[in-house]
Amino acid sequence: MGNLYGSVVDAHGTGLPGVTVTLSGQGLPQVQVTDAEGHFRFIGLQPGRYQIRAELEGFSTARYPNVDIAAHRDAQLEITLEPAIG
């Protein structure tokens, strides 16, 4: 099993709370919401390739289609959300 730890920030590097982060690819999708500092985590993941989507109203959705999780490893991911246009 592996783990994914991450954060979601704005263009200035400030953590964004309340971002819905969806992990899919190995089994059923899992959903986390970022904490007050913009952090999220997915624990006990099967090794393999996953897709990540991060969504927050007022920002463009971020997609990461190739996040690899290895057995007995902690992966790190920082996601930057850009303001939505229009």
PDB file of N, CA and C in Angstrom:
ATOM      1  N   MET A   1       0.841  -1.190   0.000  1.00  0.00           N
ATOM      2  CA  MET A   1       0.000   0.000   0.000  1.00  0.00           C
ATOM      3  C   MET A   1       0.884   1.252   0.000  1.00  0.00           C
ATOM      4  N   GLY A   2       0.378   2.288  -0.652  1.00  0.00           N
ATOM      5  CA  GLY A   2       1.078   3.562  -0.691  1.00  0.00           C
ATOM      6  C   GLY A   2       0.165   4.678  -0.218  1.00  0.00           C
ATOM      7  N   ASN A   3       0.736   5.847  -0.052  1.00  0.00           N
ATOM      8  CA  ASN A   3      -0.013   7.005   0.426  1.00  0.00           C
ATOM      9  C   ASN A   3       0.241   8.197  -0.489  1.00  0.00           C
ATOM     10  N   LEU A   4      -0.746   9.068  -0.581  1.00  0.00           N
ATOM     11  CA  LEU A   4      -0.606  10.311  -1.334  1.00  0.00           C
ATOM     12  C   LEU A   4      -0.931  11.467  -0.405  1.00  0.00           C
ATOM     13  N   TYR A   5       0.045  12.351  -0.232  1.00  0.00           N
ATOM     14  CA  TYR A   5      -0.132  13.559   0.557  1.00  0.00           C
ATOM     15  C   TYR A   5      -0.016  14.742  -0.389  1.00  0.00           C
ATOM     16  N   GLY A   6      -0.880  15.729  -0.220  1.00  0.00           N
ATOM     17  CA  GLY A   6      -0.807  16.857  -1.126  1.00  0.00           C
ATOM     18  C   GLY A   6      -1.382  18.126  -0.557  1.00  0.00           C
ATOM     19  N   SER A   7      -1.253  19.168  -1.356  1.00  0.00           N
ATOM     20  CA  SER A   7      -1.828  20.457  -0.999  1.00  0.00           C
ATOM     21  C   SER A   7      -2.348  21.118  -2.267  1.00  0.00           C
ATOM     22  N   VAL A   8      -3.325  21.984  -2.073  1.00  0.00           N
ATOM     23  CA  VAL A   8      -3.887  22.765  -3.172  1.00  0.00           C
ATOM     24  C   VAL A   8      -3.675  24.231  -2.820  1.00  0.00           C
ATOM     25  N   VAL A   9      -3.042  24.953  -3.749  1.00  0.00           N
ATOM     26  CA  VAL A   9      -2.707  26.356  -3.517  1.00  0.00           C
ATOM     27  C   VAL A   9      -3.220  27.210  -4.673  1.00  0.00           C
ATOM     28  N   ASP A  10      -3.281  28.530  -4.421  1.00  0.00           N
ATOM     29  CA  ASP A  10      -3.621  29.458  -5.496  1.00  0.00           C
ATOM     30  C   ASP A  10      -2.329  29.900  -6.188  1.00  0.00           C
ATOM     31  N   ALA A  11      -2.443  30.820  -7.134  1.00  0.00           N
ATOM     32  CA  ALA A  11      -1.281  31.264  -7.909  1.00  0.00           C
ATOM     33  C   ALA A  11      -0.211  31.934  -7.049  1.00  0.00           C
ATOM     34  N   HIS A  12      -0.571  32.369  -5.838  1.00  0.00           N
ATOM     35  CA  HIS A  12       0.377  33.011  -4.930  1.00  0.00           C
ATOM     36  C   HIS A  12       0.980  32.029  -3.933  1.00  0.00           C
ATOM     37  N   GLY A  13       0.583  30.756  -4.012  1.00  0.00           N
ATOM     38  CA  GLY A  13       1.112  29.744  -3.106  1.00  0.00           C
ATOM     39  C   GLY A  13       0.365  29.636  -1.790  1.00  0.00           C
ATOM     40  N   THR A  14      -0.772  30.298  -1.677  1.00  0.00           N
ATOM     41  CA  THR A  14      -1.584  30.249  -0.464  1.00  0.00           C
ATOM     42  C   THR A  14      -2.481  29.019  -0.495  1.00  0.00           C
ATOM     43  N   GLY A  15      -2.489  28.253   0.599  1.00  0.00           N
ATOM     44  CA  GLY A  15      -3.324  27.059   0.679  1.00  0.00           C
ATOM     45  C   GLY A  15      -4.799  27.388   0.550  1.00  0.00           C
ATOM     46  N   LEU A  16      -5.519  26.534  -0.190  1.00  0.00           N
ATOM     47  CA  LEU A  16      -6.953  26.746  -0.415  1.00  0.00           C
ATOM     48  C   LEU A  16      -7.774  25.723   0.363  1.00  0.00           C
ATOM     49  N   PRO A  17      -8.564  26.162   1.350  1.00  0.00           N
ATOM     50  CA  PRO A  17      -9.444  25.237   2.072  1.00  0.00           C
ATOM     51  C   PRO A  17     -10.696  24.925   1.264  1.00  0.00           C
ATOM     52  N   GLY A  18     -11.297  23.772   1.535  1.00  0.00           N
ATOM     53  CA  GLY A  18     -12.586  23.424   0.949  1.00  0.00           C
ATOM     54  C   GLY A  18     -12.548  22.938  -0.483  1.00  0.00           C
ATOM     55  N   VAL A  19     -11.358  22.599  -0.992  1.00  0.00           N
ATOM     56  CA  VAL A  19     -11.243  22.085  -2.358  1.00  0.00           C
ATOM     57  C   VAL A  19     -11.636  20.609  -2.357  1.00  0.00           C
ATOM     58  N   THR A  20     -12.490  20.209  -3.287  1.00  0.00           N
ATOM     59  CA  THR A  20     -12.854  18.802  -3.447  1.00  0.00           C
ATOM     60  C   THR A  20     -11.804  18.139  -4.326  1.00  0.00           C
ATOM     61  N   VAL A  21     -11.115  17.139  -3.756  1.00  0.00           N
ATOM     62  CA  VAL A  21     -10.070  16.404  -4.473  1.00  0.00           C
ATOM     63  C   VAL A  21     -10.574  14.983  -4.681  1.00  0.00           C
ATOM     64  N   THR A  22     -10.684  14.566  -5.936  1.00  0.00           N
ATOM     65  CA  THR A  22     -11.188  13.237  -6.279  1.00  0.00           C
ATOM     66  C   THR A  22     -10.061  12.403  -6.861  1.00  0.00           C
ATOM     67  N   LEU A  23      -9.889  11.207  -6.309  1.00  0.00           N
ATOM     68  CA  LEU A  23      -8.883  10.246  -6.754  1.00  0.00           C
ATOM     69  C   LEU A  23      -9.609   9.085  -7.404  1.00  0.00           C
ATOM     70  N   SER A  24      -9.224   8.727  -8.621  1.00  0.00           N
ATOM     71  CA  SER A  24      -9.847   7.591  -9.294  1.00  0.00           C
ATOM     72  C   SER A  24      -8.782   6.797 -10.037  1.00  0.00           C
ATOM     73  N   GLY A  25      -9.134   5.559 -10.397  1.00  0.00           N
ATOM     74  CA  GLY A  25      -8.217   4.766 -11.195  1.00  0.00           C
ATOM     75  C   GLY A  25      -8.042   3.342 -10.728  1.00  0.00           C
ATOM     76  N   GLN A  26      -8.072   3.094  -9.444  1.00  0.00           N
ATOM     77  CA  GLN A  26      -7.931   1.755  -8.883  1.00  0.00           C
ATOM     78  C   GLN A  26      -9.122   1.532  -7.951  1.00  0.00           C
ATOM     79  N   GLY A  27     -10.171   0.926  -8.453  1.00  0.00           N
ATOM     80  CA  GLY A  27     -11.359   0.732  -7.627  1.00  0.00           C
ATOM     81  C   GLY A  27     -12.257   1.956  -7.661  1.00  0.00           C
ATOM     82  N   LEU A  28     -13.092   2.076  -6.637  1.00  0.00           N
ATOM     83  CA  LEU A  28     -14.047   3.181  -6.570  1.00  0.00           C
ATOM     84  C   LEU A  28     -13.336   4.508  -6.348  1.00  0.00           C
ATOM     85  N   PRO A  29     -13.876   5.602  -6.897  1.00  0.00           N
ATOM     86  CA  PRO A  29     -13.292   6.915  -6.632  1.00  0.00           C
ATOM     87  C   PRO A  29     -13.328   7.234  -5.131  1.00  0.00           C
ATOM     88  N   GLN A  30     -12.318   7.958  -4.670  1.00  0.00           N
ATOM     89  CA  GLN A  30     -12.260   8.436  -3.295  1.00  0.00           C
ATOM     90  C   GLN A  30     -12.246   9.959  -3.335  1.00  0.00           C
ATOM     91  N   VAL A  31     -12.881  10.571  -2.345  1.00  0.00           N
ATOM     92  CA  VAL A  31     -12.984  12.030  -2.311  1.00  0.00           C
ATOM     93  C   VAL A  31     -12.501  12.537  -0.956  1.00  0.00           C
ATOM     94  N   GLN A  32     -11.692  13.581  -0.990  1.00  0.00           N
ATOM     95  CA  GLN A  32     -11.260  14.293   0.208  1.00  0.00           C
ATOM     96  C   GLN A  32     -11.535  15.775  -0.020  1.00  0.00           C
ATOM     97  N   VAL A  33     -11.679  16.515   1.073  1.00  0.00           N
ATOM     98  CA  VAL A  33     -11.814  17.969   1.011  1.00  0.00           C
ATOM     99  C   VAL A  33     -10.627  18.553   1.759  1.00  0.00           C
ATOM    100  N   THR A  34      -9.970  19.543   1.152  1.00  0.00           N
ATOM    101  CA  THR A  34      -8.782  20.112   1.784  1.00  0.00           C
ATOM    102  C   THR A  34      -9.126  20.792   3.109  1.00  0.00           C
ATOM    103  N   ASP A  35      -8.154  20.743   4.025  1.00  0.00           N
ATOM    104  CA  ASP A  35      -8.333  21.349   5.343  1.00  0.00           C
ATOM    105  C   ASP A  35      -8.072  22.858   5.271  1.00  0.00           C
ATOM    106  N   ALA A  36      -8.002  23.506   6.417  1.00  0.00           N
ATOM    107  CA  ALA A  36      -7.864  24.966   6.483  1.00  0.00           C
ATOM    108  C   ALA A  36      -6.589  25.479   5.810  1.00  0.00           C
ATOM    109  N   GLU A  37      -5.547  24.621   5.722  1.00  0.00           N
ATOM    110  CA  GLU A  37      -4.290  25.017   5.085  1.00  0.00           C
ATOM    111  C   GLU A  37      -4.174  24.519   3.645  1.00  0.00           C
ATOM    112  N   GLY A  38      -5.222  23.840   3.153  1.00  0.00           N
ATOM    113  CA  GLY A  38      -5.198  23.345   1.782  1.00  0.00           C
ATOM    114  C   GLY A  38      -4.627  21.950   1.615  1.00  0.00           C
ATOM    115  N   HIS A  39      -4.440  21.224   2.719  1.00  0.00           N
ATOM    116  CA  HIS A  39      -3.861  19.879   2.651  1.00  0.00           C
ATOM    117  C   HIS A  39      -4.924  18.792   2.476  1.00  0.00           C
ATOM    118  N   PHE A  40      -4.508  17.704   1.820  1.00  0.00           N
ATOM    119  CA  PHE A  40      -5.347  16.510   1.690  1.00  0.00           C
ATOM    120  C   PHE A  40      -4.452  15.280   1.758  1.00  0.00           C
ATOM    121  N   ARG A  41      -5.076  14.111   1.958  1.00  0.00           N
ATOM    122  CA  ARG A  41      -4.302  12.868   1.962  1.00  0.00           C
ATOM    123  C   ARG A  41      -5.204  11.689   1.621  1.00  0.00           C
ATOM    124  N   PHE A  42      -4.615  10.752   0.925  1.00  0.00           N
ATOM    125  CA  PHE A  42      -5.248   9.472   0.628  1.00  0.00           C
ATOM    126  C   PHE A  42      -4.299   8.397   1.144  1.00  0.00           C
ATOM    127  N   ILE A  43      -4.786   7.566   2.058  1.00  0.00           N
ATOM    128  CA  ILE A  43      -3.956   6.588   2.763  1.00  0.00           C
ATOM    129  C   ILE A  43      -4.331   5.174   2.330  1.00  0.00           C
ATOM    130  N   GLY A  44      -3.328   4.290   2.290  1.00  0.00           N
ATOM    131  CA  GLY A  44      -3.582   2.876   2.033  1.00  0.00           C
ATOM    132  C   GLY A  44      -4.021   2.574   0.615  1.00  0.00           C
ATOM    133  N   LEU A  45      -3.370   3.202  -0.352  1.00  0.00           N
ATOM    134  CA  LEU A  45      -3.736   3.009  -1.757  1.00  0.00           C
ATOM    135  C   LEU A  45      -3.016   1.804  -2.356  1.00  0.00           C
ATOM    136  N   GLN A  46      -3.710   1.086  -3.213  1.00  0.00           N
ATOM    137  CA  GLN A  46      -3.073   0.016  -3.971  1.00  0.00           C
ATOM    138  C   GLN A  46      -2.059   0.650  -4.934  1.00  0.00           C
ATOM    139  N   PRO A  47      -0.905   0.019  -5.120  1.00  0.00           N
ATOM    140  CA  PRO A  47       0.050   0.546  -6.099  1.00  0.00           C
ATOM    141  C   PRO A  47      -0.585   0.612  -7.488  1.00  0.00           C
ATOM    142  N   GLY A  48      -0.247   1.637  -8.235  1.00  0.00           N
ATOM    143  CA  GLY A  48      -0.773   1.783  -9.588  1.00  0.00           C
ATOM    144  C   GLY A  48      -0.856   3.230 -10.000  1.00  0.00           C
ATOM    145  N   ARG A  49      -1.482   3.448 -11.141  1.00  0.00           N
ATOM    146  CA  ARG A  49      -1.643   4.793 -11.699  1.00  0.00           C
ATOM    147  C   ARG A  49      -3.044   5.307 -11.383  1.00  0.00           C
ATOM    148  N   TYR A  50      -3.103   6.555 -10.927  1.00  0.00           N
ATOM    149  CA  TYR A  50      -4.356   7.189 -10.535  1.00  0.00           C
ATOM    150  C   TYR A  50      -4.541   8.495 -11.289  1.00  0.00           C
ATOM    151  N   GLN A  51      -5.779   8.975 -11.266  1.00  0.00           N
ATOM    152  CA  GLN A  51      -6.109  10.295 -11.792  1.00  0.00           C
ATOM    153  C   GLN A  51      -6.613  11.150 -10.625  1.00  0.00           C
ATOM    154  N   ILE A  52      -6.212  12.411 -10.631  1.00  0.00           N
ATOM    155  CA  ILE A  52      -6.615  13.354  -9.585  1.00  0.00           C
ATOM    156  C   ILE A  52      -7.352  14.518 -10.245  1.00  0.00           C
ATOM    157  N   ARG A  53      -8.431  14.942  -9.609  1.00  0.00           N
ATOM    158  CA  ARG A  53      -9.170  16.131 -10.042  1.00  0.00           C
ATOM    159  C   ARG A  53      -9.385  17.002  -8.810  1.00  0.00           C
ATOM    160  N   ALA A  54      -9.125  18.301  -8.928  1.00  0.00           N
ATOM    161  CA  ALA A  54      -9.331  19.246  -7.829  1.00  0.00           C
ATOM    162  C   ALA A  54     -10.277  20.342  -8.299  1.00  0.00           C
ATOM    163  N   GLU A  55     -11.329  20.583  -7.495  1.00  0.00           N
ATOM    164  CA  GLU A  55     -12.373  21.534  -7.895  1.00  0.00           C
ATOM    165  C   GLU A  55     -12.743  22.457  -6.739  1.00  0.00           C
ATOM    166  N   LEU A  56     -12.879  23.743  -7.058  1.00  0.00           N
ATOM    167  CA  LEU A  56     -13.346  24.734  -6.097  1.00  0.00           C
ATOM    168  C   LEU A  56     -14.047  25.833  -6.885  1.00  0.00           C
ATOM    169  N   GLU A  57     -15.228  26.227  -6.415  1.00  0.00           N
ATOM    170  CA  GLU A  57     -15.988  27.276  -7.101  1.00  0.00           C
ATOM    171  C   GLU A  57     -15.139  28.529  -7.250  1.00  0.00           C
ATOM    172  N   GLY A  58     -15.180  29.110  -8.436  1.00  0.00           N
ATOM    173  CA  GLY A  58     -14.406  30.312  -8.711  1.00  0.00           C
ATOM    174  C   GLY A  58     -13.031  30.030  -9.295  1.00  0.00           C
ATOM    175  N   PHE A  59     -12.664  28.751  -9.395  1.00  0.00           N
ATOM    176  CA  PHE A  59     -11.366  28.349  -9.934  1.00  0.00           C
ATOM    177  C   PHE A  59     -11.563  27.328 -11.047  1.00  0.00           C
ATOM    178  N   SER A  60     -10.608  27.285 -11.967  1.00  0.00           N
ATOM    179  CA  SER A  60     -10.633  26.263 -13.011  1.00  0.00           C
ATOM    180  C   SER A  60     -10.293  24.911 -12.397  1.00  0.00           C
ATOM    181  N   THR A  61     -10.934  23.849 -12.871  1.00  0.00           N
ATOM    182  CA  THR A  61     -10.658  22.499 -12.387  1.00  0.00           C
ATOM    183  C   THR A  61      -9.266  22.071 -12.830  1.00  0.00           C
ATOM    184  N   ALA A  62      -8.503  21.493 -11.905  1.00  0.00           N
ATOM    185  CA  ALA A  62      -7.174  20.956 -12.220  1.00  0.00           C
ATOM    186  C   ALA A  62      -7.281  19.447 -12.354  1.00  0.00           C
ATOM    187  N   ARG A  63      -6.623  18.902 -13.383  1.00  0.00           N
ATOM    188  CA  ARG A  63      -6.631  17.455 -13.612  1.00  0.00           C
ATOM    189  C   ARG A  63      -5.199  16.957 -13.748  1.00  0.00           C
ATOM    190  N   TYR A  64      -4.903  15.872 -13.057  1.00  0.00           N
ATOM    191  CA  TYR A  64      -3.610  15.202 -13.146  1.00  0.00           C
ATOM    192  C   TYR A  64      -3.889  13.756 -13.532  1.00  0.00           C
ATOM    193  N   PRO A  65      -3.670  13.384 -14.809  1.00  0.00           N
ATOM    194  CA  PRO A  65      -4.089  12.064 -15.280  1.00  0.00           C
ATOM    195  C   PRO A  65      -3.136  10.920 -14.952  1.00  0.00           C
ATOM    196  N   ASN A  66      -1.905  11.201 -14.556  1.00  0.00           N
ATOM    197  CA  ASN A  66      -0.921  10.138 -14.362  1.00  0.00           C
ATOM    198  C   ASN A  66      -0.168  10.291 -13.049  1.00  0.00           C
ATOM    199  N   VAL A  67      -0.824   9.965 -11.947  1.00  0.00           N
ATOM    200  CA  VAL A  67      -0.190  10.011 -10.634  1.00  0.00           C
ATOM    201  C   VAL A  67       0.120   8.574 -10.235  1.00  0.00           C
ATOM    202  N   ASP A  68       1.405   8.258 -10.126  1.00  0.00           N
ATOM    203  CA  ASP A  68       1.815   6.893  -9.803  1.00  0.00           C
ATOM    204  C   ASP A  68       2.019   6.733  -8.303  1.00  0.00           C
ATOM    205  N   ILE A  69       1.432   5.676  -7.758  1.00  0.00           N
ATOM    206  CA  ILE A  69       1.573   5.334  -6.345  1.00  0.00           C
ATOM    207  C   ILE A  69       2.335   4.018  -6.260  1.00  0.00           C
ATOM    208  N   ALA A  70       3.413   4.010  -5.498  1.00  0.00           N
ATOM    209  CA  ALA A  70       4.228   2.809  -5.325  1.00  0.00           C
ATOM    210  C   ALA A  70       3.967   2.210  -3.948  1.00  0.00           C
ATOM    211  N   ALA A  71       4.182   0.911  -3.846  1.00  0.00           N
ATOM    212  CA  ALA A  71       4.000   0.216  -2.567  1.00  0.00           C
ATOM    213  C   ALA A  71       4.995   0.748  -1.540  1.00  0.00           C
ATOM    214  N   HIS A  72       4.526   0.933  -0.317  1.00  0.00           N
ATOM    215  CA  HIS A  72       5.351   1.336   0.826  1.00  0.00           C
ATOM    216  C   HIS A  72       6.049   2.680   0.609  1.00  0.00           C
ATOM    217  N   ARG A  73       5.425   3.547  -0.186  1.00  0.00           N
ATOM    218  CA  ARG A  73       5.996   4.870  -0.448  1.00  0.00           C
ATOM    219  C   ARG A  73       4.950   5.950  -0.210  1.00  0.00           C
ATOM    220  N   ASP A  74       5.442   7.144   0.120  1.00  0.00           N
ATOM    221  CA  ASP A  74       4.587   8.315   0.230  1.00  0.00           C
ATOM    222  C   ASP A  74       4.830   9.195  -0.990  1.00  0.00           C
ATOM    223  N   ALA A  75       3.794   9.466  -1.745  1.00  0.00           N
ATOM    224  CA  ALA A  75       3.882  10.380  -2.884  1.00  0.00           C
ATOM    225  C   ALA A  75       3.405  11.757  -2.439  1.00  0.00           C
ATOM    226  N   GLN A  76       3.981  12.788  -3.023  1.00  0.00           N
ATOM    227  CA  GLN A  76       3.615  14.171  -2.719  1.00  0.00           C
ATOM    228  C   GLN A  76       3.114  14.840  -3.991  1.00  0.00           C
ATOM    229  N   LEU A  77       2.100  15.684  -3.858  1.00  0.00           N
ATOM    230  CA  LEU A  77       1.561  16.402  -5.014  1.00  0.00           C
ATOM    231  C   LEU A  77       1.095  17.781  -4.570  1.00  0.00           C
ATOM    232  N   GLU A  78       1.590  18.823  -5.245  1.00  0.00           N
ATOM    233  CA  GLU A  78       1.075  20.174  -5.024  1.00  0.00           C
ATOM    234  C   GLU A  78       0.285  20.576  -6.259  1.00  0.00           C
ATOM    235  N   ILE A  79      -0.944  20.980  -6.046  1.00  0.00           N
ATOM    236  CA  ILE A  79      -1.854  21.363  -7.121  1.00  0.00           C
ATOM    237  C   ILE A  79      -2.078  22.869  -7.040  1.00  0.00           C
ATOM    238  N   THR A  80      -1.903  23.552  -8.159  1.00  0.00           N
ATOM    239  CA  THR A  80      -2.170  24.986  -8.222  1.00  0.00           C
ATOM    240  C   THR A  80      -3.459  25.215  -9.003  1.00  0.00           C
ATOM    241  N   LEU A  81      -4.413  25.884  -8.375  1.00  0.00           N
ATOM    242  CA  LEU A  81      -5.666  26.236  -9.047  1.00  0.00           C
ATOM    243  C   LEU A  81      -5.587  27.679  -9.542  1.00  0.00           C
ATOM    244  N   GLU A  82      -6.014  27.859 -10.782  1.00  0.00           N
ATOM    245  CA  GLU A  82      -6.054  29.188 -11.390  1.00  0.00           C
ATOM    246  C   GLU A  82      -7.482  29.726 -11.318  1.00  0.00           C
ATOM    247  N   PRO A  83      -7.645  31.039 -11.163  1.00  0.00           N
ATOM    248  CA  PRO A  83      -8.998  31.609 -11.158  1.00  0.00           C
ATOM    249  C   PRO A  83      -9.737  31.270 -12.451  1.00  0.00           C
ATOM    250  N   ALA A  84     -11.032  31.014 -12.324  1.00  0.00           N
ATOM    251  CA  ALA A  84     -11.857  30.730 -13.498  1.00  0.00           C
ATOM    252  C   ALA A  84     -12.012  32.000 -14.323  1.00  0.00           C
ATOM    253  N   ILE A  85     -12.056  31.821 -15.620  1.00  0.00           N
ATOM    254  CA  ILE A  85     -12.233  32.957 -16.526  1.00  0.00           C
ATOM    255  C   ILE A  85     -13.682  32.988 -16.990  1.00  0.00           C
ATOM    256  N   GLY A  86     -14.302  34.151 -16.862  1.00  0.00           N
ATOM    257  CA  GLY A  86     -15.691  34.289 -17.310  1.00  0.00           C
ATOM    258  C   GLY A  86     -16.595  34.048 -16.225  1.00  0.00           C
TER     259      GLY A  86
END
